[in-house]
Amino acid sequence: MTAAATNQAASAPQSSDKESETQALRDEIAQLRRELMSALAQVASNTGKTARILDDVTADSGGQAISVGQAA
């Protein structure tokens, strides 16, 4: 076998390993992106709820006032 053929044969498994590692990293990134999008959707939902509650208790919007009392 020539030196070039030996190098080419030796690099084939390494190339396959690199391809599988690259695919594994792509899959992991895709999963992380899905998890992040889910978390951001929950943050947006909770932020919207907070905004609605604040609108409800703001005098400018005709909402109800918050009263604070002292426990006996």
Foldseek 3Di string as FASTA:
>chain_A
DDPVVVVVVVCVVVVVVVVVVVVVVVVVVVVVVVVVVVVVVVVVVVVVVVVVVVLQQDVVNVHNHDDDDDDD
